[in-house]
Amino acid sequence: MSDADGPPGAGDAGDSTESGAETERASDGPDGRYLYCVVRRDDDAAARLDATGVGGASLSVVSTDRLSAVVHERTEPYESDAPDEVREWLYDHQDAVENVGEAFGTPVPFRFDTIVRGGDETIRGWLSANEETLSEALDSLAGRWEYRVEVEWDRDALAERVGDDDERLAELGEKLSDASEGTAFLVQKQYDKRLSTLIDRRRRGRSEELVAELESRTDDVRELGDAPQTPLTEAPTGPTARFAVLADESECDAVGEYLDTVADEDGASVRFTGPWPPYTFAPDALEPAEEVEQQTEERRDGTGPAE
């Protein structure tokens, strides 16, 4: 990677580099930019970048002295009622960010449908206003990528395990077996509620143990809850714990070895995916360019890794 000011003979800090093409100014185009990610300025990498964006859009690299943003011209968010089309857009976005990462190193990624209201000068102003935060983020992410961990437990196996240790549940089970037709319904509801409480307590306790183990092997771990992360992700059938971890290659191997032991647990299944652009670990506290908008909050929740 070149130094922060670019190699000798590079264009000035105001250049806009279109991937796979000659340098040109994209600010002559529509008054809007779709933002993919931010990287350290590296004019050699920008010249080598051979990638397209959502729907085959041509990518441009807009730079200040030290940072570059990868964008394409776009004034309106992408909208579709067709899940397959949305999925393709998500994959296009992700592929573009991954290709940038291969050329420049780990980027600070932005989520699908992040639209900047303005042209290249707006992008440059925003990069300058957030240079310290973005530079610190790039330092912390360097050489690391996001991995997703999902552990799902078979509900019946977990129910049997927690039921063996709980006196209250055993008591309700006895009452249920002796209950008359008139009271059985109420007792069954009490039994089911107690069982659900115990299962959730066990899931949360096991999740805390998983976090501790993952933290001992990686740079950062974030709990993602037990709900699907995108509307395109299939919902689990049993109690589930989801995590994002930030790791380099050696740490990824250590996580994989540990998760093999988790998968050996009775009733447990493990899904370990990545590397992905580190969406979960990108900074939230950025100074806004007045025109930067994240389109639709539900899409924000669904545009991390398109798993």
Protein backbone atom coordinates (compact mmCIF):
# COMPACT_ATOMS: atom_id res chain seq x y z
CA MET A 1 0.00 0.00 0.00
CA SER A 2 1.24 3.47 -0.76
CA ASP A 3 1.84 6.19 1.77
CA ALA A 4 -1.04 8.41 2.82
CA ASP A 5 -0.41 11.01 0.14
CA GLY A 6 -0.22 8.50 -2.72
CA PRO A 7 2.86 7.55 -4.73
CA PRO A 8 4.97 10.10 -6.69
CA GLY A 9 3.31 11.18 -9.90
CA ALA A 10 -0.22 10.43 -8.65
CA GLY A 11 -3.01 12.88 -9.31
CA ASP A 12 -3.86 15.50 -6.71
CA ALA A 13 -6.09 14.74 -3.73
CA GLY A 14 -9.16 15.84 -5.61
CA ASP A 15 -9.00 13.08 -8.21
CA SER A 16 -11.82 10.61 -8.79
CA THR A 17 -10.66 7.26 -10.14
CA GLU A 18 -13.09 5.06 -12.00
CA SER A 19 -12.25 1.37 -11.57
CA GLY A 20 -10.80 -0.25 -14.68
CA ALA A 21 -10.78 3.07 -16.56
CA GLU A 22 -8.87 6.29 -16.82
CA THR A 23 -9.10 8.90 -14.09
CA GLU A 24 -12.09 11.15 -14.50
CA ARG A 25 -14.27 13.41 -12.43
CA ALA A 26 -17.51 11.72 -11.45
CA SER A 27 -18.91 14.96 -10.03
CA ASP A 28 -20.17 15.81 -13.50
CA GLY A 29 -22.77 13.04 -13.09
CA PRO A 30 -26.00 12.87 -11.08
CA ASP A 31 -26.11 14.72 -7.76
CA GLY A 32 -25.94 11.62 -5.60
CA ARG A 33 -23.46 8.92 -4.60
CA TYR A 34 -24.07 5.37 -3.45
CA LEU A 35 -21.44 4.67 -0.76
CA TYR A 36 -19.83 1.23 -0.48
CA CYS A 37 -16.85 1.66 1.82
CA VAL A 38 -13.88 3.77 2.88
CA VAL A 39 -10.22 2.75 2.57
CA ARG A 40 -6.82 4.35 2.95
CA ARG A 41 -5.84 6.18 -0.18
CA ASP A 42 -3.75 3.98 -2.46
CA ASP A 43 -3.73 5.15 -6.05
CA ASP A 44 -2.00 1.98 -7.28
CA ALA A 45 -4.77 -0.15 -5.77
CA ALA A 46 -7.40 2.16 -7.24
CA ALA A 47 -5.89 1.72 -10.69
CA ARG A 48 -5.92 -2.07 -10.27
CA LEU A 49 -9.47 -2.25 -8.95
CA ASP A 50 -11.61 -4.21 -11.38
CA ALA A 51 -15.10 -4.47 -9.92
CA THR A 52 -18.66 -3.37 -10.47
CA GLY A 53 -21.34 -2.42 -7.99
CA VAL A 54 -25.04 -3.01 -7.54
CA GLY A 55 -26.65 -3.97 -10.82
CA GLY A 56 -23.30 -3.73 -12.61
CA ALA A 57 -22.79 -0.04 -11.77
CA SER A 58 -19.36 1.47 -12.51
CA LEU A 59 -17.40 2.20 -9.34
CA SER A 60 -15.44 5.37 -8.68
CA VAL A 61 -12.79 6.02 -6.03
CA VAL A 62 -13.11 9.53 -4.59
CA SER A 63 -10.11 10.63 -2.52
CA THR A 64 -8.76 13.16 -0.08
CA ASP A 65 -5.07 13.23 0.83
CA ARG A 66 -5.37 10.19 3.11
CA LEU A 67 -8.69 8.43 2.57
CA SER A 68 -10.77 7.18 -0.33
CA ALA A 69 -14.46 6.37 -0.65
CA VAL A 70 -15.72 3.85 -3.19
CA VAL A 71 -18.99 5.00 -4.74
CA HIS A 72 -21.18 4.93 -7.81
CA GLU A 73 -23.52 7.57 -9.14
CA ARG A 74 -26.99 7.11 -7.67
CA THR A 75 -29.62 9.57 -6.53
CA GLU A 76 -32.39 7.25 -5.28
CA PRO A 77 -32.46 4.12 -3.12
CA TYR A 78 -33.02 0.71 -4.64
CA GLU A 79 -36.60 -0.48 -4.20
CA SER A 80 -38.18 -3.82 -5.11
CA ASP A 81 -40.93 -6.11 -3.86
CA ALA A 82 -39.13 -9.13 -5.36
CA PRO A 83 -36.97 -10.95 -2.74
CA ASP A 84 -34.77 -12.50 -5.43
CA GLU A 85 -33.95 -9.09 -6.85
CA VAL A 86 -33.16 -7.68 -3.40
CA ARG A 87 -30.95 -10.68 -2.72
CA GLU A 88 -29.01 -10.05 -5.93
CA TRP A 89 -28.52 -6.41 -4.97
CA LEU A 90 -27.24 -7.43 -1.53
CA TYR A 91 -24.78 -9.86 -3.08
CA ASP A 92 -23.66 -7.24 -5.61
CA HIS A 93 -23.03 -4.77 -2.79
CA GLN A 94 -21.14 -7.34 -0.76
CA ASP A 95 -19.08 -8.52 -3.71
CA ALA A 96 -18.06 -4.94 -4.45
CA VAL A 97 -16.91 -4.32 -0.87
CA GLU A 98 -15.02 -7.62 -0.80
CA ASN A 99 -13.29 -6.82 -4.09
CA VAL A 100 -12.26 -3.44 -2.73
CA GLY A 101 -10.90 -5.19 0.36
CA GLU A 102 -8.80 -7.50 -1.78
CA ALA A 103 -7.28 -4.50 -3.55
CA PHE A 104 -6.85 -2.09 -0.62
CA GLY A 105 -7.02 -4.18 2.55
CA THR A 106 -9.87 -4.37 5.04
CA PRO A 107 -12.26 -1.44 4.43
CA VAL A 108 -14.72 0.39 6.63
CA PRO A 109 -17.90 -0.90 4.95
CA PHE A 110 -21.25 0.84 4.65
CA ARG A 111 -24.57 -0.85 4.36
CA PHE A 112 -26.68 -1.42 1.31
CA ASP A 113 -28.56 1.66 0.07
CA THR A 114 -26.44 4.27 1.82
CA ILE A 115 -26.98 7.28 -0.45
CA VAL A 116 -25.06 10.56 -0.30
CA ARG A 117 -27.06 13.58 -1.42
CA GLY A 118 -24.38 15.46 -3.30
CA GLY A 119 -21.40 14.88 -5.53
CA ASP A 120 -17.71 14.16 -5.07
CA GLU A 121 -17.05 17.36 -3.13
CA THR A 122 -19.64 16.31 -0.57
CA ILE A 123 -17.88 12.95 -0.25
CA ARG A 124 -14.50 14.65 0.18
CA GLY A 125 -15.88 17.02 2.80
CA TRP A 126 -17.37 14.10 4.72
CA LEU A 127 -14.11 12.13 4.54
CA SER A 128 -12.19 15.15 5.85
CA ALA A 129 -14.65 15.75 8.69
CA ASN A 130 -14.37 12.11 9.79
CA GLU A 131 -10.71 11.51 8.98
CA GLU A 132 -9.64 10.78 12.56
CA THR A 133 -12.51 8.37 13.30
CA LEU A 134 -12.22 6.57 9.97
CA SER A 135 -8.44 6.32 10.22
CA GLU A 136 -8.69 4.83 13.71
CA ALA A 137 -11.28 2.35 12.45
CA LEU A 138 -9.05 1.33 9.54
CA ASP A 139 -6.17 0.79 11.98
CA SER A 140 -8.29 -1.42 14.22
CA LEU A 141 -9.71 -3.41 11.30
CA ALA A 142 -6.43 -3.87 9.39
CA GLY A 143 -5.87 -7.52 8.54
CA ARG A 144 -9.10 -8.56 10.24
CA TRP A 145 -12.50 -9.52 8.88
CA GLU A 146 -15.88 -10.31 10.33
CA TYR A 147 -17.02 -13.87 10.95
CA ARG A 148 -20.50 -14.93 11.96
CA VAL A 149 -21.15 -17.64 14.53
CA GLU A 150 -24.58 -19.18 15.01
CA VAL A 151 -25.24 -21.91 17.56
CA GLU A 152 -28.65 -23.54 17.59
CA TRP A 153 -29.81 -26.06 20.15
CA ASP A 154 -32.45 -28.71 19.60
CA ARG A 155 -35.34 -27.59 21.76
CA ASP A 156 -36.40 -31.09 22.80
CA ALA A 157 -32.88 -32.05 23.84
CA LEU A 158 -32.52 -28.81 25.81
CA ALA A 159 -35.93 -29.27 27.42
CA GLU A 160 -34.97 -32.73 28.62
CA ARG A 161 -31.71 -31.41 30.04
CA VAL A 162 -33.20 -28.47 31.97
CA GLY A 163 -36.22 -30.48 33.09
CA ASP A 164 -34.05 -32.97 34.94
CA ASP A 165 -32.75 -30.29 37.31
CA ASP A 166 -35.82 -28.20 38.15
CA GLU A 167 -38.07 -29.09 41.08
CA ARG A 168 -40.81 -26.66 40.06
CA LEU A 169 -41.08 -28.15 36.58
CA ALA A 170 -41.18 -31.66 38.06
CA GLU A 171 -43.94 -30.56 40.40
CA LEU A 172 -46.00 -29.12 37.53
CA GLY A 173 -45.43 -32.31 35.56
CA GLU A 174 -46.91 -34.37 38.38
CA LYS A 175 -49.87 -32.01 38.71
CA LEU A 176 -50.45 -32.25 34.97
CA SER A 177 -50.53 -36.04 35.01
CA ASP A 178 -53.10 -35.97 37.85
CA ALA A 179 -55.11 -32.98 36.59
CA SER A 180 -58.74 -33.24 35.65
CA GLU A 181 -59.92 -32.20 32.23
CA GLY A 182 -61.06 -28.87 33.66
CA THR A 183 -57.68 -27.91 35.14
CA ALA A 184 -55.27 -29.61 32.72
CA PHE A 185 -55.29 -26.69 30.30
CA LEU A 186 -54.20 -24.20 32.97
CA VAL A 187 -51.54 -26.51 34.38
CA GLN A 188 -50.21 -27.15 30.87
CA LYS A 189 -49.82 -23.41 30.31
CA GLN A 190 -47.93 -23.11 33.60
CA TYR A 191 -45.71 -26.04 32.65
CA ASP A 192 -44.96 -24.63 29.19
CA LYS A 193 -44.19 -21.18 30.60
CA ARG A 194 -41.81 -22.63 33.19
CA LEU A 195 -40.12 -24.79 30.58
CA SER A 196 -39.68 -21.82 28.22
CA THR A 197 -38.16 -19.79 31.06
CA LEU A 198 -35.69 -22.55 31.86
CA ILE A 199 -34.73 -23.03 28.21
CA ASP A 200 -34.15 -19.31 27.72
CA ARG A 201 -32.14 -19.14 30.95
CA ARG A 202 -29.96 -22.02 29.75
CA ARG A 203 -29.54 -20.40 26.33
CA ARG A 204 -28.50 -17.09 27.89
CA GLY A 205 -26.10 -18.81 30.26
CA ARG A 206 -24.57 -20.83 27.46
CA SER A 207 -24.35 -17.67 25.33
CA GLU A 208 -22.35 -15.93 28.05
CA GLU A 209 -19.95 -18.87 28.13
CA LEU A 210 -19.61 -18.73 24.35
CA VAL A 211 -18.85 -15.00 24.45
CA ALA A 212 -16.10 -15.55 27.03
CA GLU A 213 -14.54 -18.31 24.94
CA LEU A 214 -14.75 -16.31 21.71
CA GLU A 215 -13.32 -13.18 23.37
CA SER A 216 -10.32 -15.18 24.54
CA ARG A 217 -9.57 -16.11 20.92
CA THR A 218 -10.39 -12.94 18.94
CA ASP A 219 -10.08 -9.14 18.96
CA ASP A 220 -13.76 -8.33 19.41
CA VAL A 221 -17.09 -10.12 19.81
CA ARG A 222 -20.59 -8.69 19.43
CA GLU A 223 -23.77 -10.50 20.40
CA LEU A 224 -26.39 -10.33 17.65
CA GLY A 225 -29.33 -11.77 19.57
CA ASP A 226 -31.34 -14.81 18.58
CA ALA A 227 -33.32 -13.33 15.68
CA PRO A 228 -32.35 -13.70 12.00
CA GLN A 229 -30.05 -10.89 10.90
CA THR A 230 -31.69 -10.35 7.52
CA PRO A 231 -35.19 -10.89 6.15
CA LEU A 232 -33.54 -13.33 3.72
CA THR A 233 -32.15 -15.51 6.52
CA GLU A 234 -34.13 -18.59 7.45
CA ALA A 235 -35.56 -18.45 10.98
CA PRO A 236 -34.15 -21.01 13.44
CA THR A 237 -36.33 -23.79 14.82
CA GLY A 238 -34.69 -23.95 18.25
CA PRO A 239 -33.01 -21.68 20.81
CA THR A 240 -30.22 -19.82 19.06
CA ALA A 241 -27.25 -17.59 19.88
CA ARG A 242 -25.62 -15.41 17.21
CA PHE A 243 -22.34 -13.55 17.34
CA ALA A 244 -20.08 -11.47 15.12
CA VAL A 245 -16.36 -11.84 15.74
CA LEU A 246 -13.49 -9.72 14.41
CA ALA A 247 -10.50 -11.93 13.68
CA ASP A 248 -7.40 -12.38 11.60
CA GLU A 249 -6.61 -15.68 9.90
CA SER A 250 -4.91 -17.35 12.86
CA GLU A 251 -7.66 -16.26 15.25
CA CYS A 252 -10.25 -17.60 12.80
CA ASP A 253 -8.56 -21.00 12.95
CA ALA A 254 -8.65 -20.93 16.76
CA VAL A 255 -12.36 -20.08 16.73
CA GLY A 256 -13.06 -22.89 14.28
CA GLU A 257 -11.28 -25.41 16.51
CA TYR A 258 -13.28 -24.29 19.54
CA LEU A 259 -16.57 -24.41 17.65
CA ASP A 260 -15.84 -28.02 16.69
CA THR A 261 -16.09 -28.86 20.40
CA VAL A 262 -19.38 -26.95 20.67
CA ALA A 263 -20.80 -28.87 17.72
CA ASP A 264 -20.02 -32.10 19.56
CA GLU A 265 -22.45 -31.16 22.34
CA ASP A 266 -25.69 -33.13 22.35
CA GLY A 267 -28.40 -31.28 20.41
CA ALA A 268 -26.12 -28.44 19.26
CA SER A 269 -25.51 -27.35 15.66
CA VAL A 270 -22.99 -24.68 14.65
CA ARG A 271 -22.80 -22.40 11.63
CA PHE A 272 -19.51 -20.52 11.14
CA THR A 273 -19.30 -18.21 8.11
CA GLY A 274 -16.92 -15.63 6.73
CA PRO A 275 -14.76 -13.79 6.12
CA TRP A 276 -17.16 -10.90 5.58
CA PRO A 277 -16.58 -7.15 5.44
CA PRO A 278 -16.68 -5.96 9.08
CA TYR A 279 -20.08 -4.24 9.01
CA THR A 280 -20.74 -4.93 12.69
CA PHE A 281 -17.47 -3.30 13.73
CA ALA A 282 -17.65 -0.19 11.57
CA PRO A 283 -17.88 3.07 13.55
CA ASP A 284 -21.33 4.48 14.23
CA ALA A 285 -20.33 7.92 15.52
CA LEU A 286 -19.52 9.79 12.32
CA GLU A 287 -20.06 13.44 11.55
CA PRO A 288 -22.83 13.58 8.95
CA ALA A 289 -22.54 15.27 5.64
CA GLU A 290 -26.00 16.81 5.58
CA GLU A 291 -26.86 14.69 2.60
CA VAL A 292 -25.74 11.27 3.91
CA GLU A 293 -28.77 9.10 4.50
CA GLN A 294 -29.28 5.49 5.46
CA GLN A 295 -32.33 4.42 3.52
CA THR A 296 -34.94 2.48 5.55
CA GLU A 297 -34.07 1.14 8.99
CA GLU A 298 -35.30 -2.35 8.23
CA ARG A 299 -32.77 -2.57 5.41
CA ARG A 300 -30.04 -1.37 7.74
CA ASP A 301 -30.70 -4.48 9.84
CA GLY A 302 -30.51 -6.65 6.78
CA THR A 303 -27.36 -5.58 5.03
CA GLY A 304 -24.52 -7.04 6.91
CA PRO A 305 -23.20 -10.28 5.49
CA ALA A 306 -25.73 -11.71 3.03
CA GLU A 307 -25.52 -15.14 4.59
